[in-house]
């Protein structure tokens, strides 16, 4: 007999019932590392704490649209536009 959980109780999926794409977080970190930008430098440019940004990259916090946009903009600016 399978155990059923209510999706609204799930802290991992945020109630969506779907597993978040782990590779999206890994892509963030890989892009930052490829650009040669440290976590400390990017977090300072974004105006968020180092711990908060680390948690996002590790998947311990949700990645909101606002933070995703800010991440992309600051990473692009700090890397000189290198893709």
N, C-alpha and C. Protein backbone atom coordinates (compact mmCIF):
# COMPACT_ATOMS: atom_id res chain seq x y z
N UNK A 1 0.84 -1.18 0.00
CA UNK A 1 0.00 0.00 0.00
C UNK A 1 0.89 1.24 0.00
N UNK A 2 0.68 2.10 -0.94
CA UNK A 2 1.48 3.31 -1.07
C UNK A 2 0.98 4.38 -0.11
N UNK A 3 1.92 5.13 0.43
CA UNK A 3 1.57 6.23 1.33
C UNK A 3 1.36 7.47 0.48
N UNK A 4 0.26 8.15 0.68
CA UNK A 4 -0.01 9.36 -0.08
C UNK A 4 0.18 10.57 0.83
N UNK A 5 0.86 11.56 0.31
CA UNK A 5 1.09 12.80 1.04
C UNK A 5 0.28 13.91 0.37
N UNK A 6 -0.20 14.82 1.17
CA UNK A 6 -0.84 16.00 0.60
C UNK A 6 0.24 16.89 0.04
N UNK A 7 0.07 17.35 -1.20
CA UNK A 7 1.12 18.17 -1.82
C UNK A 7 1.30 19.50 -1.13
N UNK A 8 0.25 20.04 -0.50
CA UNK A 8 0.41 21.33 0.18
C UNK A 8 1.31 21.21 1.41
N UNK A 9 1.55 19.98 1.88
CA UNK A 9 2.43 19.76 3.02
C UNK A 9 3.89 19.60 2.60
N UNK A 10 4.12 19.52 1.31
CA UNK A 10 5.47 19.23 0.82
C UNK A 10 6.30 20.51 0.75
N UNK A 11 7.36 20.58 1.55
CA UNK A 11 8.23 21.75 1.52
C UNK A 11 9.14 21.74 0.30
N UNK A 12 9.30 20.59 -0.31
CA UNK A 12 10.24 20.46 -1.42
C UNK A 12 9.66 20.95 -2.74
N UNK A 13 8.40 20.60 -2.99
CA UNK A 13 7.80 20.97 -4.27
C UNK A 13 6.95 22.22 -4.16
N UNK A 14 6.77 22.75 -2.95
CA UNK A 14 5.96 23.95 -2.78
C UNK A 14 4.49 23.74 -3.05
N UNK A 15 4.03 22.49 -2.98
CA UNK A 15 2.62 22.20 -3.20
C UNK A 15 2.27 21.91 -4.64
N UNK A 16 3.24 21.97 -5.55
CA UNK A 16 2.95 21.72 -6.96
C UNK A 16 2.77 20.23 -7.25
N UNK A 17 3.33 19.39 -6.39
CA UNK A 17 3.26 17.96 -6.62
C UNK A 17 4.32 17.46 -7.60
N UNK A 18 5.11 18.38 -8.11
CA UNK A 18 6.17 18.02 -9.06
C UNK A 18 7.53 18.19 -8.41
N UNK A 19 8.44 17.36 -8.81
CA UNK A 19 9.82 17.46 -8.34
C UNK A 19 10.49 18.62 -9.07
N UNK A 20 11.12 19.56 -8.36
CA UNK A 20 11.80 20.64 -9.04
C UNK A 20 12.98 20.12 -9.86
N UNK A 21 13.25 20.80 -10.93
CA UNK A 21 14.35 20.40 -11.80
C UNK A 21 15.67 20.73 -11.11
N UNK A 22 16.36 19.71 -10.64
CA UNK A 22 17.62 19.92 -9.93
C UNK A 22 18.67 20.53 -10.85
N UNK A 23 18.61 20.18 -12.13
CA UNK A 23 19.62 20.68 -13.03
C UNK A 23 19.51 22.19 -13.25
N UNK A 24 18.35 22.79 -12.96
CA UNK A 24 18.25 24.25 -13.09
C UNK A 24 19.13 24.94 -12.05
N UNK A 25 19.20 24.37 -10.85
CA UNK A 25 20.08 24.93 -9.82
C UNK A 25 21.53 24.70 -10.19
N UNK A 26 21.82 23.51 -10.70
CA UNK A 26 23.19 23.20 -11.10
C UNK A 26 23.62 24.10 -12.26
N UNK A 27 22.69 24.46 -13.11
CA UNK A 27 22.99 25.34 -14.23
C UNK A 27 23.38 26.72 -13.72
N UNK A 28 22.70 27.20 -12.69
CA UNK A 28 23.04 28.50 -12.11
C UNK A 28 24.48 28.49 -11.61
N UNK A 29 24.80 27.50 -10.84
CA UNK A 29 26.14 27.41 -10.27
C UNK A 29 27.21 27.23 -11.35
N UNK A 30 26.91 26.37 -12.32
CA UNK A 30 27.86 26.13 -13.42
C UNK A 30 28.11 27.40 -14.22
N UNK A 31 27.05 28.17 -14.47
CA UNK A 31 27.20 29.42 -15.22
C UNK A 31 28.06 30.41 -14.45
N UNK A 32 27.83 30.49 -13.14
CA UNK A 32 28.61 31.40 -12.31
C UNK A 32 30.08 30.98 -12.28
N UNK A 33 30.31 29.70 -12.10
CA UNK A 33 31.69 29.20 -12.06
C UNK A 33 32.39 29.36 -13.42
N UNK A 34 31.65 29.13 -14.50
CA UNK A 34 32.22 29.29 -15.84
C UNK A 34 32.63 30.73 -16.10
N UNK A 35 31.84 31.66 -15.56
CA UNK A 35 32.14 33.09 -15.72
C UNK A 35 33.27 33.53 -14.80
N UNK A 36 33.67 32.66 -13.86
CA UNK A 36 34.75 33.00 -12.94
C UNK A 36 34.34 33.97 -11.85
N UNK A 37 33.06 33.98 -11.52
CA UNK A 37 32.52 34.89 -10.51
C UNK A 37 32.35 34.11 -9.21
N UNK A 38 32.86 34.66 -8.13
CA UNK A 38 32.71 33.99 -6.84
C UNK A 38 31.30 34.19 -6.30
N UNK A 39 30.91 33.29 -5.45
CA UNK A 39 29.60 33.39 -4.79
C UNK A 39 29.52 34.69 -3.99
N UNK A 40 30.60 35.05 -3.33
CA UNK A 40 30.65 36.27 -2.53
C UNK A 40 30.46 37.52 -3.39
N UNK A 41 31.13 37.57 -4.54
CA UNK A 41 31.02 38.72 -5.44
C UNK A 41 29.61 38.86 -5.99
N UNK A 42 29.03 37.73 -6.42
CA UNK A 42 27.69 37.78 -6.99
C UNK A 42 26.65 38.15 -5.93
N UNK A 43 26.78 37.60 -4.75
CA UNK A 43 25.80 37.91 -3.70
C UNK A 43 25.86 39.39 -3.33
N UNK A 44 27.07 39.95 -3.29
CA UNK A 44 27.21 41.38 -2.99
C UNK A 44 26.58 42.23 -4.09
N UNK A 45 26.80 41.84 -5.34
CA UNK A 45 26.23 42.59 -6.46
C UNK A 45 24.70 42.51 -6.47
N UNK A 46 24.17 41.37 -6.04
CA UNK A 46 22.72 41.19 -6.00
C UNK A 46 22.09 41.84 -4.78
N UNK A 47 22.90 42.14 -3.77
CA UNK A 47 22.36 42.73 -2.55
C UNK A 47 21.68 41.72 -1.65
N UNK A 48 22.10 40.46 -1.75
CA UNK A 48 21.55 39.42 -0.87
C UNK A 48 22.72 38.75 -0.14
N UNK A 49 22.40 38.05 0.91
CA UNK A 49 23.47 37.43 1.71
C UNK A 49 24.10 36.26 0.97
N UNK A 50 25.34 36.02 1.30
CA UNK A 50 26.08 34.89 0.75
C UNK A 50 25.37 33.58 1.06
N UNK A 51 24.89 33.44 2.29
CA UNK A 51 24.20 32.22 2.71
C UNK A 51 22.91 32.00 1.91
N UNK A 52 22.17 33.08 1.66
CA UNK A 52 20.92 32.99 0.91
C UNK A 52 21.19 32.52 -0.52
N UNK A 53 22.19 33.11 -1.17
CA UNK A 53 22.53 32.72 -2.53
C UNK A 53 23.04 31.28 -2.58
N UNK A 54 23.84 30.91 -1.62
CA UNK A 54 24.33 29.54 -1.56
C UNK A 54 23.17 28.56 -1.41
N UNK A 55 22.21 28.88 -0.55
CA UNK A 55 21.03 28.03 -0.37
C UNK A 55 20.24 27.88 -1.66
N UNK A 56 20.13 28.94 -2.44
CA UNK A 56 19.42 28.87 -3.72
C UNK A 56 20.16 27.91 -4.65
N UNK A 57 21.47 28.08 -4.77
CA UNK A 57 22.24 27.22 -5.66
C UNK A 57 22.23 25.76 -5.21
N UNK A 58 22.14 25.52 -3.93
CA UNK A 58 22.11 24.16 -3.41
C UNK A 58 20.71 23.56 -3.39
N UNK A 59 19.72 24.39 -3.69
CA UNK A 59 18.34 23.90 -3.73
C UNK A 59 17.65 23.90 -2.38
N UNK A 60 18.21 24.58 -1.41
CA UNK A 60 17.60 24.64 -0.08
C UNK A 60 16.56 25.75 0.04
N UNK A 61 16.52 26.62 -0.95
CA UNK A 61 15.51 27.69 -1.01
C UNK A 61 14.96 27.74 -2.42
N UNK A 62 13.73 28.22 -2.52
CA UNK A 62 13.10 28.36 -3.83
C UNK A 62 13.76 29.49 -4.60
N UNK A 63 13.82 29.31 -5.89
CA UNK A 63 14.34 30.34 -6.78
C UNK A 63 13.14 31.09 -7.35
N UNK A 64 12.92 32.32 -6.87
CA UNK A 64 11.79 33.11 -7.37
C UNK A 64 12.16 33.73 -8.71
N UNK A 65 11.17 34.17 -9.43
CA UNK A 65 11.41 34.83 -10.71
C UNK A 65 12.24 36.09 -10.56
N UNK A 66 11.98 36.83 -9.49
CA UNK A 66 12.72 38.07 -9.26
C UNK A 66 14.20 37.79 -9.00
N UNK A 67 14.48 36.80 -8.20
CA UNK A 67 15.87 36.45 -7.89
C UNK A 67 16.55 35.86 -9.13
N UNK A 68 15.83 35.05 -9.90
CA UNK A 68 16.40 34.48 -11.12
C UNK A 68 16.79 35.57 -12.10
N UNK A 69 15.93 36.56 -12.25
CA UNK A 69 16.23 37.68 -13.15
C UNK A 69 17.42 38.48 -12.64
N UNK A 70 17.44 38.78 -11.36
CA UNK A 70 18.53 39.53 -10.76
C UNK A 70 19.85 38.76 -10.89
N UNK A 71 19.79 37.45 -10.65
CA UNK A 71 20.97 36.59 -10.78
C UNK A 71 21.55 36.69 -12.19
N UNK A 72 20.67 36.53 -13.17
CA UNK A 72 21.09 36.57 -14.57
C UNK A 72 21.67 37.92 -14.95
N UNK A 73 20.99 38.99 -14.56
CA UNK A 73 21.45 40.35 -14.90
C UNK A 73 22.82 40.64 -14.28
N UNK A 74 22.98 40.34 -13.01
CA UNK A 74 24.25 40.66 -12.32
C UNK A 74 25.37 39.75 -12.82
N UNK A 75 25.08 38.49 -13.08
CA UNK A 75 26.10 37.59 -13.58
C UNK A 75 26.59 38.08 -14.96
N UNK A 76 25.65 38.48 -15.78
CA UNK A 76 25.99 38.98 -17.11
C UNK A 76 26.84 40.25 -17.01
N UNK A 77 26.45 41.16 -16.13
CA UNK A 77 27.18 42.42 -15.96
C UNK A 77 28.59 42.17 -15.41
N UNK A 78 28.70 41.30 -14.42
CA UNK A 78 30.01 41.04 -13.81
C UNK A 78 30.96 40.27 -14.73
N UNK A 79 30.40 39.48 -15.62
CA UNK A 79 31.25 38.70 -16.52
C UNK A 79 31.59 39.47 -17.79
N UNK A 80 31.12 40.69 -17.88
CA UNK A 80 31.39 41.49 -19.08
C UNK A 80 30.59 41.04 -20.29
N UNK A 81 29.49 40.36 -20.03
CA UNK A 81 28.64 39.91 -21.12
C UNK A 81 29.08 38.61 -21.77
N UNK A 82 30.08 37.95 -21.19
CA UNK A 82 30.55 36.67 -21.73
C UNK A 82 29.52 35.59 -21.46
N UNK A 83 29.21 34.79 -22.48
CA UNK A 83 28.22 33.72 -22.31
C UNK A 83 28.90 32.43 -21.98
